[in-house]
């Protein structure tokens, strides 16, 4: 039984999806850690807010990548 090599475009999309998932998970863990640490150490609210903005930026980026992957998949299948 022979296997055909994976399509390079499909492999690229899979790597992008994996990267987006890692960014989402890491952003959530780091954000939660920063919130906990900020409360524990009594950081000023404006500094903790920077972590909120960084987490939002990471999620927006990951959602944009996910949207692009979804659009490419639809295009490859021929769906309008």
N, C-alpha and C. Protein backbone atom coordinates (compact mmCIF):
# COMPACT_ATOMS: atom_id res chain seq x y z
N UNK A 1 0.85 -1.16 0.00
CA UNK A 1 0.00 0.00 0.00
C UNK A 1 0.90 1.24 0.00
N UNK A 2 0.73 2.08 -1.00
CA UNK A 2 1.56 3.28 -1.10
C UNK A 2 0.75 4.49 -0.67
N UNK A 3 1.45 5.40 -0.07
CA UNK A 3 0.82 6.66 0.36
C UNK A 3 1.25 7.76 -0.57
N UNK A 4 0.30 8.62 -0.89
CA UNK A 4 0.65 9.79 -1.68
C UNK A 4 1.10 10.89 -0.74
N UNK A 5 2.08 11.66 -1.16
CA UNK A 5 2.54 12.73 -0.28
C UNK A 5 1.45 13.79 -0.11
N UNK A 6 1.40 14.41 1.06
CA UNK A 6 0.36 15.41 1.28
C UNK A 6 0.55 16.63 0.38
N UNK A 7 -0.54 17.23 0.04
CA UNK A 7 -0.53 18.45 -0.77
C UNK A 7 0.22 19.54 -0.01
N UNK A 8 1.19 20.21 -0.64
CA UNK A 8 1.94 21.26 0.07
C UNK A 8 1.05 22.38 0.60
N UNK A 9 -0.02 22.71 -0.13
CA UNK A 9 -0.92 23.76 0.34
C UNK A 9 -1.68 23.29 1.57
N UNK A 10 -2.10 22.04 1.58
CA UNK A 10 -2.82 21.50 2.73
C UNK A 10 -1.89 21.44 3.95
N UNK A 11 -0.64 21.10 3.72
CA UNK A 11 0.33 21.07 4.82
C UNK A 11 0.55 22.47 5.37
N UNK A 12 0.63 23.45 4.49
CA UNK A 12 0.81 24.84 4.92
C UNK A 12 -0.38 25.32 5.75
N UNK A 13 -1.59 24.98 5.30
CA UNK A 13 -2.78 25.36 6.05
C UNK A 13 -2.81 24.68 7.42
N UNK A 14 -2.38 23.43 7.48
CA UNK A 14 -2.35 22.72 8.76
C UNK A 14 -1.35 23.37 9.71
N UNK A 15 -0.20 23.78 9.19
CA UNK A 15 0.79 24.45 10.04
C UNK A 15 0.28 25.80 10.53
N UNK A 16 -0.41 26.53 9.67
CA UNK A 16 -0.99 27.81 10.09
C UNK A 16 -2.06 27.60 11.16
N UNK A 17 -2.87 26.58 11.01
CA UNK A 17 -3.91 26.29 12.00
C UNK A 17 -3.28 25.91 13.34
N UNK A 18 -2.21 25.13 13.29
CA UNK A 18 -1.52 24.75 14.51
C UNK A 18 -0.92 25.97 15.20
N UNK A 19 -0.33 26.87 14.42
CA UNK A 19 0.25 28.08 14.99
C UNK A 19 -0.83 28.96 15.62
N UNK A 20 -1.97 29.09 14.96
CA UNK A 20 -3.07 29.89 15.52
C UNK A 20 -3.56 29.28 16.84
N UNK A 21 -3.66 27.96 16.89
CA UNK A 21 -4.10 27.29 18.11
C UNK A 21 -3.09 27.50 19.25
N UNK A 22 -1.81 27.41 18.94
CA UNK A 22 -0.78 27.62 19.95
C UNK A 22 -0.82 29.05 20.47
N UNK A 23 -0.98 30.01 19.56
CA UNK A 23 -1.05 31.41 19.97
C UNK A 23 -2.25 31.65 20.87
N UNK A 24 -3.41 31.08 20.52
CA UNK A 24 -4.61 31.26 21.36
C UNK A 24 -4.41 30.67 22.75
N UNK A 25 -3.89 29.46 22.80
CA UNK A 25 -3.70 28.81 24.10
C UNK A 25 -2.65 29.54 24.94
N UNK A 26 -1.55 29.92 24.33
CA UNK A 26 -0.49 30.61 25.05
C UNK A 26 -0.95 31.98 25.52
N UNK A 27 -1.70 32.69 24.68
CA UNK A 27 -2.21 34.01 25.08
C UNK A 27 -3.13 33.88 26.28
N UNK A 28 -3.97 32.88 26.29
CA UNK A 28 -4.90 32.71 27.42
C UNK A 28 -4.14 32.38 28.70
N UNK A 29 -3.18 31.48 28.62
CA UNK A 29 -2.42 31.10 29.82
C UNK A 29 -1.61 32.29 30.34
N UNK A 30 -0.93 33.00 29.44
CA UNK A 30 -0.15 34.15 29.87
C UNK A 30 -1.04 35.26 30.42
N UNK A 31 -2.18 35.49 29.80
CA UNK A 31 -3.10 36.51 30.29
C UNK A 31 -3.61 36.17 31.69
N UNK A 32 -4.00 34.91 31.88
CA UNK A 32 -4.48 34.50 33.20
C UNK A 32 -3.38 34.61 34.24
N UNK A 33 -2.16 34.24 33.86
CA UNK A 33 -1.03 34.37 34.78
C UNK A 33 -0.73 35.81 35.13
N UNK A 34 -0.82 36.70 34.14
CA UNK A 34 -0.58 38.12 34.40
C UNK A 34 -1.66 38.70 35.29
N UNK A 35 -2.91 38.29 35.09
CA UNK A 35 -3.98 38.78 35.94
C UNK A 35 -3.78 38.33 37.38
N UNK A 36 -3.42 37.08 37.55
CA UNK A 36 -3.19 36.56 38.89
C UNK A 36 -2.00 37.25 39.55
N UNK A 37 -0.90 37.36 38.79
CA UNK A 37 0.30 37.97 39.34
C UNK A 37 0.08 39.45 39.63
N UNK A 38 -0.63 40.13 38.76
CA UNK A 38 -0.91 41.54 38.99
C UNK A 38 -1.73 41.77 40.24
N UNK A 39 -2.71 40.91 40.48
CA UNK A 39 -3.51 41.02 41.71
C UNK A 39 -2.70 40.67 42.94
N UNK A 40 -1.83 39.71 42.79
CA UNK A 40 -1.02 39.25 43.93
C UNK A 40 0.02 40.29 44.33
N UNK A 41 0.62 40.93 43.33
CA UNK A 41 1.68 41.90 43.60
C UNK A 41 1.17 43.34 43.69
N UNK A 42 -0.11 43.52 43.47
CA UNK A 42 -0.70 44.84 43.58
C UNK A 42 -0.28 45.81 42.48
N UNK A 43 -0.15 45.28 41.26
CA UNK A 43 0.22 46.14 40.14
C UNK A 43 -0.86 47.18 39.89
N UNK A 44 -0.46 48.31 39.37
CA UNK A 44 -1.39 49.35 38.97
C UNK A 44 -2.26 48.82 37.82
N UNK A 45 -3.51 49.26 37.79
CA UNK A 45 -4.46 48.75 36.80
C UNK A 45 -3.99 49.03 35.38
N UNK A 46 -3.35 50.16 35.15
CA UNK A 46 -2.93 50.48 33.78
C UNK A 46 -1.88 49.51 33.26
N UNK A 47 -1.07 48.93 34.15
CA UNK A 47 -0.08 47.94 33.70
C UNK A 47 -0.76 46.61 33.38
N UNK A 48 -1.70 46.24 34.19
CA UNK A 48 -2.42 44.99 33.94
C UNK A 48 -3.24 45.12 32.65
N UNK A 49 -3.74 46.34 32.38
CA UNK A 49 -4.50 46.58 31.16
C UNK A 49 -3.65 46.32 29.91
N UNK A 50 -2.36 46.53 30.00
CA UNK A 50 -1.48 46.22 28.86
C UNK A 50 -1.51 44.74 28.51
N UNK A 51 -1.60 43.89 29.54
CA UNK A 51 -1.72 42.46 29.28
C UNK A 51 -3.06 42.14 28.61
N UNK A 52 -4.11 42.87 29.00
CA UNK A 52 -5.40 42.69 28.34
C UNK A 52 -5.30 43.03 26.86
N UNK A 53 -4.67 44.15 26.56
CA UNK A 53 -4.53 44.56 25.16
C UNK A 53 -3.68 43.57 24.36
N UNK A 54 -2.61 43.07 24.98
CA UNK A 54 -1.77 42.08 24.30
C UNK A 54 -2.55 40.80 24.02
N UNK A 55 -3.36 40.36 24.98
CA UNK A 55 -4.16 39.15 24.78
C UNK A 55 -5.20 39.38 23.67
N UNK A 56 -5.83 40.55 23.67
CA UNK A 56 -6.81 40.85 22.62
C UNK A 56 -6.13 40.85 21.25
N UNK A 57 -4.95 41.45 21.17
CA UNK A 57 -4.22 41.48 19.90
C UNK A 57 -3.89 40.06 19.43
N UNK A 58 -3.48 39.20 20.35
CA UNK A 58 -3.16 37.81 19.98
C UNK A 58 -4.40 37.09 19.48
N UNK A 59 -5.53 37.30 20.14
CA UNK A 59 -6.77 36.64 19.71
C UNK A 59 -7.25 37.18 18.37
N UNK A 60 -7.14 38.47 18.16
CA UNK A 60 -7.54 39.04 16.87
C UNK A 60 -6.67 38.48 15.76
N UNK A 61 -5.37 38.39 16.00
CA UNK A 61 -4.46 37.83 15.00
C UNK A 61 -4.83 36.36 14.71
N UNK A 62 -5.06 35.59 15.76
CA UNK A 62 -5.39 34.18 15.58
C UNK A 62 -6.72 34.01 14.84
N UNK A 63 -7.68 34.86 15.14
CA UNK A 63 -8.96 34.78 14.44
C UNK A 63 -8.81 35.17 12.97
N UNK A 64 -7.96 36.15 12.67
CA UNK A 64 -7.71 36.53 11.28
C UNK A 64 -7.07 35.38 10.51
N UNK A 65 -6.11 34.71 11.14
CA UNK A 65 -5.47 33.56 10.50
C UNK A 65 -6.48 32.43 10.29
N UNK A 66 -7.30 32.19 11.30
CA UNK A 66 -8.32 31.15 11.19
C UNK A 66 -9.31 31.47 10.08
N UNK A 67 -9.72 32.73 9.95
CA UNK A 67 -10.63 33.16 8.89
C UNK A 67 -9.99 32.91 7.51
N UNK A 68 -8.71 33.27 7.40
CA UNK A 68 -8.01 33.08 6.12
C UNK A 68 -7.91 31.59 5.77
N UNK A 69 -7.65 30.76 6.75
CA UNK A 69 -7.58 29.31 6.52
C UNK A 69 -8.95 28.80 6.05
N UNK A 70 -10.00 29.25 6.71
CA UNK A 70 -11.35 28.83 6.35
C UNK A 70 -11.69 29.25 4.92
N UNK A 71 -11.33 30.48 4.56
CA UNK A 71 -11.60 30.96 3.21
C UNK A 71 -10.82 30.16 2.17
N UNK A 72 -9.58 29.84 2.45
CA UNK A 72 -8.79 29.04 1.50
C UNK A 72 -9.38 27.64 1.34
N UNK A 73 -9.82 27.05 2.45
CA UNK A 73 -10.42 25.72 2.38
C UNK A 73 -11.70 25.75 1.54
N UNK A 74 -12.50 26.77 1.71
CA UNK A 74 -13.72 26.91 0.91
C UNK A 74 -13.36 27.07 -0.56
N UNK A 75 -12.30 27.84 -0.85
CA UNK A 75 -11.88 28.05 -2.23
C UNK A 75 -11.35 26.78 -2.88
N UNK A 76 -10.66 25.97 -2.10
CA UNK A 76 -10.12 24.72 -2.63
C UNK A 76 -11.21 23.73 -2.95
N UNK A 77 -12.28 23.78 -2.20
CA UNK A 77 -13.40 22.85 -2.42
C UNK A 77 -14.34 23.34 -3.51
N UNK A 78 -14.19 24.60 -3.89
CA UNK A 78 -15.05 25.16 -4.93
C UNK A 78 -16.37 25.69 -4.39
N UNK A 79 -16.48 25.89 -3.08
CA UNK A 79 -17.70 26.45 -2.51
C UNK A 79 -17.68 27.95 -2.67
N UNK A 80 -18.83 28.52 -2.99
CA UNK A 80 -18.88 29.99 -3.14
C UNK A 80 -18.83 30.71 -1.81
